[in-house]
Amino acid sequence: MAETLPDGIAGEQKYAAVAAAAADALVGLDFDGTLSPIVEDPASARIHPDAAATLIALASGVKALAVVTGRPAGQVVELGGLAAIADALAEVGTELYVFGQYGNQRWSGSDRVVVGPPPPEGLAAFEAALPAVLEEHGASGAYLEEKGLAVGVHTRQLPEGTAHRLLPAITELAAEHGLVIEPGKQVIEVRAPGMHKGNAIETLVAEVAPGAILFGGDDLGDIEAFEAVKAWGRSTGSPTLLVYSHAGSDRGPLADLADLEVDGPDGVLELLRRLTADAAQL
């Protein structure tokens, strides 16, 4: 069962409004921590084993599904088995969109090509200088995840607090090369400025023209998406539901923006199954 936040009654009311408009709804979800459990090695992440069946069952009751992630779009399509899910969704006339690299890349079930810009200027020079900065701060064991348009500095295998300690130095180095940082749970991502998940939401709204939006995420990189969904709901008067996929004791800043809180990917999928059942009764 979804764990409601302190204003959970309002959250349940928002859920009911989205469920009533499910046939016109856009359901957007982050990948890591939302559809996929967080793991120490990002390369070993896989979509939750129940996710495919849950998304396919939901598809016939909503207007569109989207995965909006900081990972490269092609990588998350592979890790999530999203091409096969897109095939199943196409049979019921529902499109699957994938926005990767915080919206810099996109892929869809109807157009199976990843589209995106070249790597940002300055990224190669930043990566060349990064090992020396990590060594200087006692973090040479950090795992560097190459993302094509960005690089992630993962500290899950280092002492707790390492990412926080590295943040000023990496922020300074990124700025020297015209880049920005996106801090997360034991990870610092460095990428080009000007693109975030809120832009992806705005693009989806323009293309899908939904009558309701449910968006689920778990980390700082989802803040702009939450804010974009809230702004769209206010401007249109349409129902929205923001879902915080949370596991552990540190609830983080998304808790202040979310309407409902659920217990990690298991809770996300339980909520989506509930939405599928409720939409079928309308």
C-alpha atoms as a PDB file:
ATOM      1  CA  MET A   1       0.000   0.000   0.000  1.00  0.00           C
ATOM      2  CA  ALA A   2       1.283   3.485  -0.809  1.00  0.00           C
ATOM      3  CA  GLU A   3       2.589   5.305   2.249  1.00  0.00           C
ATOM      4  CA  THR A   4       0.934   8.702   2.374  1.00  0.00           C
ATOM      5  CA  LEU A   5       2.757  11.847   3.411  1.00  0.00           C
ATOM      6  CA  PRO A   6       1.546  13.998   6.345  1.00  0.00           C
ATOM      7  CA  ASP A   7      -1.011  15.633   4.029  1.00  0.00           C
ATOM      8  CA  GLY A   8      -1.931  12.197   2.715  1.00  0.00           C
ATOM      9  CA  ILE A   9      -5.658  12.956   2.495  1.00  0.00           C
ATOM     10  CA  ALA A  10      -4.913  15.596  -0.118  1.00  0.00           C
ATOM     11  CA  GLY A  11      -2.595  13.115  -1.834  1.00  0.00           C
ATOM     12  CA  GLU A  12      -5.342  10.502  -1.993  1.00  0.00           C
ATOM     13  CA  GLN A  13      -7.726  13.105  -3.398  1.00  0.00           C
ATOM     14  CA  LYS A  14      -5.172  13.925  -6.091  1.00  0.00           C
ATOM     15  CA  TYR A  15      -4.779  10.225  -6.818  1.00  0.00           C
ATOM     16  CA  ALA A  16      -8.554   9.866  -7.222  1.00  0.00           C
ATOM     17  CA  ALA A  17      -8.655  12.802  -9.646  1.00  0.00           C
ATOM     18  CA  VAL A  18      -5.857  11.322 -11.780  1.00  0.00           C
ATOM     19  CA  ALA A  19      -7.519   7.885 -11.710  1.00  0.00           C
ATOM     20  CA  ALA A  20     -10.790   9.417 -12.901  1.00  0.00           C
ATOM     21  CA  ALA A  21      -8.918  10.997 -15.842  1.00  0.00           C
ATOM     22  CA  ALA A  22      -6.658   7.973 -16.458  1.00  0.00           C
ATOM     23  CA  ALA A  23      -7.683   7.511 -20.088  1.00  0.00           C
ATOM     24  CA  ASP A  24      -6.201  10.938 -20.806  1.00  0.00           C
ATOM     25  CA  ALA A  25      -3.226  10.632 -18.456  1.00  0.00           C
ATOM     26  CA  LEU A  26       0.501  10.779 -19.070  1.00  0.00           C
ATOM     27  CA  VAL A  27       2.423   8.554 -16.648  1.00  0.00           C
ATOM     28  CA  GLY A  28       6.081   9.576 -16.349  1.00  0.00           C
ATOM     29  CA  LEU A  29       8.666   7.711 -14.281  1.00  0.00           C
ATOM     30  CA  ASP A  30      12.332   7.995 -13.401  1.00  0.00           C
ATOM     31  CA  PHE A  31      14.400   4.812 -13.832  1.00  0.00           C
ATOM     32  CA  ASP A  32      16.975   4.344 -11.042  1.00  0.00           C
ATOM     33  CA  GLY A  33      15.257   4.176  -7.683  1.00  0.00           C
ATOM     34  CA  THR A  34      11.802   4.296  -9.251  1.00  0.00           C
ATOM     35  CA  LEU A  35      11.568   1.489 -11.803  1.00  0.00           C
ATOM     36  CA  SER A  36      14.920  -0.070 -10.909  1.00  0.00           C
ATOM     37  CA  PRO A  37      16.328  -0.701  -7.414  1.00  0.00           C
ATOM     38  CA  ILE A  38      19.442   1.330  -6.565  1.00  0.00           C
ATOM     39  CA  VAL A  39      22.609  -0.813  -6.806  1.00  0.00           C
ATOM     40  CA  GLU A  40      26.269  -0.099  -6.038  1.00  0.00           C
ATOM     41  CA  ASP A  41      27.391  -0.663  -9.639  1.00  0.00           C
ATOM     42  CA  PRO A  42      25.214   1.421 -12.011  1.00  0.00           C
ATOM     43  CA  ALA A  43      26.100  -0.902 -14.900  1.00  0.00           C
ATOM     44  CA  SER A  44      24.390  -3.798 -13.113  1.00  0.00           C
ATOM     45  CA  ALA A  45      21.071  -2.004 -12.635  1.00  0.00           C
ATOM     46  CA  ARG A  46      18.036  -3.721 -14.105  1.00  0.00           C
ATOM     47  CA  ILE A  47      14.384  -2.833 -14.226  1.00  0.00           C
ATOM     48  CA  HIS A  48      12.247  -4.350 -11.463  1.00  0.00           C
ATOM     49  CA  PRO A  49      11.217  -7.892 -12.498  1.00  0.00           C
ATOM     50  CA  ASP A  50       7.514  -6.970 -12.192  1.00  0.00           C
ATOM     51  CA  ALA A  51       7.807  -3.672 -14.070  1.00  0.00           C
ATOM     52  CA  ALA A  52       7.201  -4.929 -17.615  1.00  0.00           C
ATOM     53  CA  ALA A  53       3.954  -6.717 -16.763  1.00  0.00           C
ATOM     54  CA  THR A  54       2.768  -3.763 -14.664  1.00  0.00           C
ATOM     55  CA  LEU A  55       3.470  -1.176 -17.369  1.00  0.00           C
ATOM     56  CA  ILE A  56       1.900  -3.307 -20.095  1.00  0.00           C
ATOM     57  CA  ALA A  57      -1.236  -3.824 -18.019  1.00  0.00           C
ATOM     58  CA  LEU A  58      -1.444  -0.090 -17.305  1.00  0.00           C
ATOM     59  CA  ALA A  59      -0.926   0.942 -20.925  1.00  0.00           C
ATOM     60  CA  SER A  60      -4.417   0.265 -22.211  1.00  0.00           C
ATOM     61  CA  GLY A  61      -5.876   2.544 -19.527  1.00  0.00           C
ATOM     62  CA  VAL A  62      -3.702   5.649 -20.047  1.00  0.00           C
ATOM     63  CA  LYS A  63      -2.764   7.960 -22.907  1.00  0.00           C
ATOM     64  CA  ALA A  64       1.043   7.614 -22.833  1.00  0.00           C
ATOM     65  CA  LEU A  65       3.947   6.298 -20.757  1.00  0.00           C
ATOM     66  CA  ALA A  66       7.353   7.943 -20.429  1.00  0.00           C
ATOM     67  CA  VAL A  67      10.647   7.108 -18.744  1.00  0.00           C
ATOM     68  CA  VAL A  68      12.601  10.276 -17.901  1.00  0.00           C
ATOM     69  CA  THR A  69      16.110   9.501 -16.673  1.00  0.00           C
ATOM     70  CA  GLY A  70      19.590  10.864 -16.227  1.00  0.00           C
ATOM     71  CA  ARG A  71      21.006   7.781 -17.935  1.00  0.00           C
ATOM     72  CA  PRO A  72      21.676   7.721 -21.690  1.00  0.00           C
ATOM     73  CA  ALA A  73      18.435   6.873 -23.500  1.00  0.00           C
ATOM     74  CA  GLY A  74      19.887   3.877 -25.349  1.00  0.00           C
ATOM     75  CA  GLN A  75      21.334   2.470 -22.149  1.00  0.00           C
ATOM     76  CA  VAL A  76      18.049   2.640 -20.254  1.00  0.00           C
ATOM     77  CA  VAL A  77      16.172   1.099 -23.191  1.00  0.00           C
ATOM     78  CA  GLU A  78      18.559  -1.857 -22.970  1.00  0.00           C
ATOM     79  CA  LEU A  79      18.660  -2.144 -19.166  1.00  0.00           C
ATOM     80  CA  GLY A  80      14.897  -1.844 -18.938  1.00  0.00           C
ATOM     81  CA  GLY A  81      13.989  -4.097 -21.858  1.00  0.00           C
ATOM     82  CA  LEU A  82      11.948  -1.115 -23.025  1.00  0.00           C
ATOM     83  CA  ALA A  83      11.884  -2.076 -26.709  1.00  0.00           C
ATOM     84  CA  ALA A  84       9.869  -5.191 -25.870  1.00  0.00           C
ATOM     85  CA  ILE A  85       7.590  -3.167 -23.605  1.00  0.00           C
ATOM     86  CA  ALA A  86       7.101  -0.641 -26.413  1.00  0.00           C
ATOM     87  CA  ASP A  87       6.078  -3.473 -28.753  1.00  0.00           C
ATOM     88  CA  ALA A  88       3.413  -4.603 -26.297  1.00  0.00           C
ATOM     89  CA  LEU A  89       2.206  -1.040 -25.768  1.00  0.00           C
ATOM     90  CA  ALA A  90       1.901  -0.486 -29.517  1.00  0.00           C
ATOM     91  CA  GLU A  91      -0.634  -3.298 -29.678  1.00  0.00           C
ATOM     92  CA  VAL A  92      -3.014  -1.281 -27.504  1.00  0.00           C
ATOM     93  CA  GLY A  93      -2.177   2.043 -29.174  1.00  0.00           C
ATOM     94  CA  THR A  94      -0.146   3.559 -26.317  1.00  0.00           C
ATOM     95  CA  GLU A  95       3.179   5.258 -27.000  1.00  0.00           C
ATOM     96  CA  LEU A  96       6.286   4.752 -24.867  1.00  0.00           C
ATOM     97  CA  TYR A  97       8.672   7.703 -24.697  1.00  0.00           C
ATOM     98  CA  VAL A  98      12.181   7.631 -23.241  1.00  0.00           C
ATOM     99  CA  PHE A  99      13.979  10.855 -22.396  1.00  0.00           C
ATOM    100  CA  GLY A 100      17.612  10.263 -21.420  1.00  0.00           C
ATOM    101  CA  GLN A 101      20.416  12.485 -20.122  1.00  0.00           C
ATOM    102  CA  TYR A 102      17.840  14.701 -18.380  1.00  0.00           C
ATOM    103  CA  GLY A 103      16.035  15.319 -21.664  1.00  0.00           C
ATOM    104  CA  ASN A 104      19.063  15.780 -23.918  1.00  0.00           C
ATOM    105  CA  GLN A 105      18.283  12.478 -25.660  1.00  0.00           C
ATOM    106  CA  ARG A 106      15.028  10.866 -26.690  1.00  0.00           C
ATOM    107  CA  TRP A 107      13.743   7.553 -28.012  1.00  0.00           C
ATOM    108  CA  SER A 108      10.208   6.364 -28.632  1.00  0.00           C
ATOM    109  CA  GLY A 109       8.373   3.161 -29.428  1.00  0.00           C
ATOM    110  CA  SER A 110       7.364   4.500 -32.824  1.00  0.00           C
ATOM    111  CA  ASP A 111      10.828   5.841 -33.702  1.00  0.00           C
ATOM    112  CA  ARG A 112      13.492   3.420 -32.452  1.00  0.00           C
ATOM    113  CA  VAL A 113      16.428   5.829 -32.922  1.00  0.00           C
ATOM    114  CA  VAL A 114      18.153   7.741 -30.112  1.00  0.00           C
ATOM    115  CA  VAL A 115      18.241  11.423 -31.015  1.00  0.00           C
ATOM    116  CA  GLY A 116      20.454  13.880 -29.169  1.00  0.00           C
ATOM    117  CA  PRO A 117      23.207  16.493 -29.427  1.00  0.00           C
ATOM    118  CA  PRO A 118      26.979  15.879 -29.470  1.00  0.00           C
ATOM    119  CA  PRO A 119      28.896  15.807 -26.151  1.00  0.00           C
ATOM    120  CA  PRO A 120      29.159  19.248 -24.521  1.00  0.00           C
ATOM    121  CA  GLU A 121      32.219  21.324 -25.156  1.00  0.00           C
ATOM    122  CA  GLY A 122      34.563  21.024 -22.193  1.00  0.00           C
ATOM    123  CA  LEU A 123      33.504  17.545 -21.114  1.00  0.00           C
ATOM    124  CA  ALA A 124      36.642  15.814 -22.412  1.00  0.00           C
ATOM    125  CA  ALA A 125      38.907  18.346 -20.672  1.00  0.00           C
ATOM    126  CA  PHE A 126      36.908  17.979 -17.467  1.00  0.00           C
ATOM    127  CA  GLU A 127      37.271  14.191 -17.552  1.00  0.00           C
ATOM    128  CA  ALA A 128      41.024  14.507 -18.140  1.00  0.00           C
ATOM    129  CA  ALA A 129      41.405  16.719 -15.061  1.00  0.00           C
ATOM    130  CA  LEU A 130      38.998  14.767 -12.825  1.00  0.00           C
ATOM    131  CA  PRO A 131      41.302  11.915 -11.627  1.00  0.00           C
ATOM    132  CA  ALA A 132      43.771  14.381 -10.108  1.00  0.00           C
ATOM    133  CA  VAL A 133      40.978  16.143  -8.214  1.00  0.00           C
ATOM    134  CA  LEU A 134      39.646  12.825  -6.908  1.00  0.00           C
ATOM    135  CA  GLU A 135      43.090  11.721  -5.787  1.00  0.00           C
ATOM    136  CA  GLU A 136      43.710  15.058  -4.066  1.00  0.00           C
ATOM    137  CA  HIS A 137      40.531  14.558  -2.031  1.00  0.00           C
ATOM    138  CA  GLY A 138      41.135  10.894  -1.173  1.00  0.00           C
ATOM    139  CA  ALA A 139      38.460   9.608  -3.522  1.00  0.00           C
ATOM    140  CA  SER A 140      40.453   7.953  -6.304  1.00  0.00           C
ATOM    141  CA  GLY A 141      38.289   4.840  -5.813  1.00  0.00           C
ATOM    142  CA  ALA A 142      35.173   6.630  -7.068  1.00  0.00           C
ATOM    143  CA  TYR A 143      33.457   4.899  -9.987  1.00  0.00           C
ATOM    144  CA  LEU A 144      33.264   7.080 -13.086  1.00  0.00           C
ATOM    145  CA  GLU A 145      30.247   6.384 -15.281  1.00  0.00           C
ATOM    146  CA  GLU A 146      30.689   7.544 -18.864  1.00  0.00           C
ATOM    147  CA  LYS A 147      27.342   8.750 -20.213  1.00  0.00           C
ATOM    148  CA  GLY A 148      28.381  10.240 -23.539  1.00  0.00           C
ATOM    149  CA  LEU A 149      26.857  13.651 -22.802  1.00  0.00           C
ATOM    150  CA  ALA A 150      27.809  13.582 -19.111  1.00  0.00           C
ATOM    151  CA  VAL A 151      29.898  11.787 -16.519  1.00  0.00           C
ATOM    152  CA  GLY A 152      28.723  10.445 -13.173  1.00  0.00           C
ATOM    153  CA  VAL A 153      31.041  10.297 -10.157  1.00  0.00           C
ATOM    154  CA  HIS A 154      29.691   7.482  -7.966  1.00  0.00           C
ATOM    155  CA  THR A 155      30.807   7.139  -4.342  1.00  0.00           C
ATOM    156  CA  ARG A 156      28.565   4.269  -3.169  1.00  0.00           C
ATOM    157  CA  GLN A 157      31.609   2.078  -2.557  1.00  0.00           C
ATOM    158  CA  LEU A 158      33.434   4.799  -0.569  1.00  0.00           C
ATOM    159  CA  PRO A 159      32.826   6.018   3.012  1.00  0.00           C
ATOM    160  CA  GLU A 160      29.485   7.733   3.575  1.00  0.00           C
ATOM    161  CA  GLY A 161      29.716  11.479   3.094  1.00  0.00           C
ATOM    162  CA  THR A 162      32.357  11.291   0.356  1.00  0.00           C
ATOM    163  CA  ALA A 163      30.048  12.774  -2.296  1.00  0.00           C
ATOM    164  CA  HIS A 164      29.218  15.720  -0.032  1.00  0.00           C
ATOM    165  CA  ARG A 165      32.914  16.289   0.652  1.00  0.00           C
ATOM    166  CA  LEU A 166      33.744  16.197  -3.077  1.00  0.00           C
ATOM    167  CA  LEU A 167      30.932  18.499  -4.124  1.00  0.00           C
ATOM    168  CA  PRO A 168      32.765  21.879  -3.852  1.00  0.00           C
ATOM    169  CA  ALA A 169      35.840  20.682  -5.765  1.00  0.00           C
ATOM    170  CA  ILE A 170      33.871  19.007  -8.547  1.00  0.00           C
ATOM    171  CA  THR A 171      31.532  21.990  -8.803  1.00  0.00           C
ATOM    172  CA  GLU A 172      34.535  24.294  -9.235  1.00  0.00           C
ATOM    173  CA  LEU A 173      36.165  22.033 -11.836  1.00  0.00           C
ATOM    174  CA  ALA A 174      32.897  21.714 -13.756  1.00  0.00           C
ATOM    175  CA  ALA A 175      32.427  25.492 -13.818  1.00  0.00           C
ATOM    176  CA  GLU A 176      35.949  25.938 -15.209  1.00  0.00           C
ATOM    177  CA  HIS A 177      34.848  23.870 -18.233  1.00  0.00           C
ATOM    178  CA  GLY A 178      31.406  25.421 -18.727  1.00  0.00           C
ATOM    179  CA  LEU A 179      29.553  22.491 -17.143  1.00  0.00           C
ATOM    180  CA  VAL A 180      27.098  22.106 -14.274  1.00  0.00           C
ATOM    181  CA  ILE A 181      26.639  19.482 -11.583  1.00  0.00           C
ATOM    182  CA  GLU A 182      23.599  17.441 -10.555  1.00  0.00           C
ATOM    183  CA  PRO A 183      24.104  15.952  -7.081  1.00  0.00           C
ATOM    184  CA  GLY A 184      22.214  12.796  -6.143  1.00  0.00           C
ATOM    185  CA  LYS A 185      22.354   9.910  -3.698  1.00  0.00           C
ATOM    186  CA  GLN A 186      26.090   9.165  -3.452  1.00  0.00           C
ATOM    187  CA  VAL A 187      26.646  10.437  -6.977  1.00  0.00           C
ATOM    188  CA  ILE A 188      27.578  13.722  -8.625  1.00  0.00           C
ATOM    189  CA  GLU A 189      26.709  14.050 -12.300  1.00  0.00           C
ATOM    190  CA  VAL A 190      28.449  16.614 -14.497  1.00  0.00           C
ATOM    191  CA  ARG A 191      26.792  17.757 -17.721  1.00  0.00           C
ATOM    192  CA  ALA A 192      26.028  20.730 -19.952  1.00  0.00           C
ATOM    193  CA  PRO A 193      23.840  23.499 -18.530  1.00  0.00           C
ATOM    194  CA  GLY A 194      20.324  24.320 -19.678  1.00  0.00           C
ATOM    195  CA  MET A 195      18.687  20.901 -19.828  1.00  0.00           C
ATOM    196  CA  HIS A 196      16.786  19.177 -17.048  1.00  0.00           C
ATOM    197  CA  LYS A 197      13.828  16.851 -16.574  1.00  0.00           C
ATOM    198  CA  GLY A 198      11.427  19.782 -16.411  1.00  0.00           C
ATOM    199  CA  ASN A 199      12.178  20.476 -20.079  1.00  0.00           C
ATOM    200  CA  ALA A 200      11.335  16.858 -20.880  1.00  0.00           C
ATOM    201  CA  ILE A 201       7.964  17.252 -19.130  1.00  0.00           C
ATOM    202  CA  GLU A 202       7.234  20.384 -21.151  1.00  0.00           C
ATOM    203  CA  THR A 203       8.092  18.537 -24.380  1.00  0.00           C
ATOM    204  CA  LEU A 204       5.832  15.629 -23.426  1.00  0.00           C
ATOM    205  CA  VAL A 205       2.963  17.974 -22.584  1.00  0.00           C
ATOM    206  CA  ALA A 206       3.290  19.639 -25.996  1.00  0.00           C
ATOM    207  CA  GLU A 207       3.364  16.326 -27.861  1.00  0.00           C
ATOM    208  CA  VAL A 208       0.933  14.206 -25.833  1.00  0.00           C
ATOM    209  CA  ALA A 209      -1.562  16.915 -24.773  1.00  0.00           C
ATOM    210  CA  PRO A 210      -2.526  14.977 -21.631  1.00  0.00           C
ATOM    211  CA  GLY A 211      -5.524  15.661 -19.454  1.00  0.00           C
ATOM    212  CA  ALA A 212      -3.725  14.485 -16.301  1.00  0.00           C
ATOM    213  CA  ILE A 213      -0.138  13.686 -15.265  1.00  0.00           C
ATOM    214  CA  LEU A 214       1.334  11.233 -12.756  1.00  0.00           C
ATOM    215  CA  PHE A 215       5.100  11.512 -12.298  1.00  0.00           C
ATOM    216  CA  GLY A 216       7.281   9.417 -10.007  1.00  0.00           C
ATOM    217  CA  GLY A 217      10.904  10.015  -9.021  1.00  0.00           C
ATOM    218  CA  ASP A 218      13.363   9.484  -6.201  1.00  0.00           C
ATOM    219  CA  ASP A 219      16.195  12.029  -6.224  1.00  0.00           C
ATOM    220  CA  LEU A 220      17.331  15.629  -6.723  1.00  0.00           C
ATOM    221  CA  GLY A 221      17.375  15.268 -10.508  1.00  0.00           C
ATOM    222  CA  ASP A 222      13.583  14.875 -10.415  1.00  0.00           C
ATOM    223  CA  ILE A 223      12.910  18.222  -8.724  1.00  0.00           C
ATOM    224  CA  GLU A 224      12.524  20.160 -11.987  1.00  0.00           C
ATOM    225  CA  ALA A 225      10.144  17.490 -13.323  1.00  0.00           C
ATOM    226  CA  PHE A 226       8.025  17.756 -10.164  1.00  0.00           C
ATOM    227  CA  GLU A 227       7.995  21.540 -10.458  1.00  0.00           C
ATOM    228  CA  ALA A 228       7.060  21.412 -14.154  1.00  0.00           C
ATOM    229  CA  VAL A 229       4.157  19.052 -13.443  1.00  0.00           C
ATOM    230  CA  LYS A 230       2.944  21.309 -10.621  1.00  0.00           C
ATOM    231  CA  ALA A 231       3.155  24.387 -12.868  1.00  0.00           C
ATOM    232  CA  TRP A 232       1.238  22.614 -15.652  1.00  0.00           C
ATOM    233  CA  GLY A 233      -1.459  21.547 -13.213  1.00  0.00           C
ATOM    234  CA  ARG A 234      -1.850  25.076 -11.875  1.00  0.00           C
ATOM    235  CA  SER A 235      -2.001  26.646 -15.336  1.00  0.00           C
ATOM    236  CA  THR A 236      -4.492  24.169 -16.802  1.00  0.00           C
ATOM    237  CA  GLY A 237      -6.502  23.149 -13.745  1.00  0.00           C
ATOM    238  CA  SER A 238      -5.827  19.523 -14.691  1.00  0.00           C
ATOM    239  CA  PRO A 239      -5.212  16.759 -12.121  1.00  0.00           C
ATOM    240  CA  THR A 240      -1.631  15.853 -11.205  1.00  0.00           C
ATOM    241  CA  LEU A 241      -0.024  13.374  -8.824  1.00  0.00           C
ATOM    242  CA  LEU A 242       3.628  13.531  -7.756  1.00  0.00           C
ATOM    243  CA  VAL A 243       4.963  10.285  -6.305  1.00  0.00           C
ATOM    244  CA  TYR A 244       8.135  10.078  -4.220  1.00  0.00           C
ATOM    245  CA  SER A 245       9.813   6.672  -4.467  1.00  0.00           C
ATOM    246  CA  HIS A 246      11.661   6.502  -1.182  1.00  0.00           C
ATOM    247  CA  ALA A 247      13.733   3.880   0.618  1.00  0.00           C
ATOM    248  CA  GLY A 248      15.862   4.400   3.701  1.00  0.00           C
ATOM    249  CA  SER A 249      15.866   6.935   6.506  1.00  0.00           C
ATOM    250  CA  ASP A 250      16.868  10.092   4.600  1.00  0.00           C
ATOM    251  CA  ARG A 251      13.674  11.343   2.977  1.00  0.00           C
ATOM    252  CA  GLY A 252      15.301  14.136   0.968  1.00  0.00           C
ATOM    253  CA  PRO A 253      13.885  17.294  -0.666  1.00  0.00           C
ATOM    254  CA  LEU A 254      11.372  15.517  -2.925  1.00  0.00           C
ATOM    255  CA  ALA A 255       9.293  14.778   0.170  1.00  0.00           C
ATOM    256  CA  ASP A 256       8.318  18.452   0.339  1.00  0.00           C
ATOM    257  CA  LEU A 257       7.088  18.457  -3.260  1.00  0.00           C
ATOM    258  CA  ALA A 258       5.408  15.045  -3.452  1.00  0.00           C
ATOM    259  CA  ASP A 259       1.730  14.202  -2.989  1.00  0.00           C
ATOM    260  CA  LEU A 260       2.312  10.558  -2.072  1.00  0.00           C
ATOM    261  CA  GLU A 261       5.308   8.626  -0.797  1.00  0.00           C
ATOM    262  CA  VAL A 262       5.833   4.957  -1.646  1.00  0.00           C
ATOM    263  CA  ASP A 263       8.360   2.332  -0.629  1.00  0.00           C
ATOM    264  CA  GLY A 264      10.827   2.303  -3.536  1.00  0.00           C
ATOM    265  CA  PRO A 265      10.186   0.515  -6.853  1.00  0.00           C
ATOM    266  CA  ASP A 266       7.951  -2.058  -5.114  1.00  0.00           C
ATOM    267  CA  GLY A 267       5.693   0.742  -3.932  1.00  0.00           C
ATOM    268  CA  VAL A 268       5.721   2.473  -7.320  1.00  0.00           C
ATOM    269  CA  LEU A 269       4.561  -0.681  -9.081  1.00  0.00           C
ATOM    270  CA  GLU A 270       1.906  -1.343  -6.435  1.00  0.00           C
ATOM    271  CA  LEU A 271       0.541   2.153  -7.004  1.00  0.00           C
ATOM    272  CA  LEU A 272       0.507   1.633 -10.783  1.00  0.00           C
ATOM    273  CA  ARG A 273      -1.351  -1.667 -10.373  1.00  0.00           C
ATOM    274  CA  ARG A 274      -3.873   0.138  -8.213  1.00  0.00           C
ATOM    275  CA  LEU A 275      -4.269   2.796 -10.915  1.00  0.00           C
ATOM    276  CA  THR A 276      -4.768   0.091 -13.549  1.00  0.00           C
ATOM    277  CA  ALA A 277      -7.522  -1.541 -11.498  1.00  0.00           C
ATOM    278  CA  ASP A 278      -9.250   1.747 -10.681  1.00  0.00           C
ATOM    279  CA  ALA A 279      -9.083   2.981 -14.278  1.00  0.00           C
ATOM    280  CA  ALA A 280     -10.660  -0.261 -15.497  1.00  0.00           C
ATOM    281  CA  GLN A 281     -13.706   0.335 -13.298  1.00  0.00           C
ATOM    282  CA  LEU A 282     -14.407   3.790 -14.766  1.00  0.00           C
END
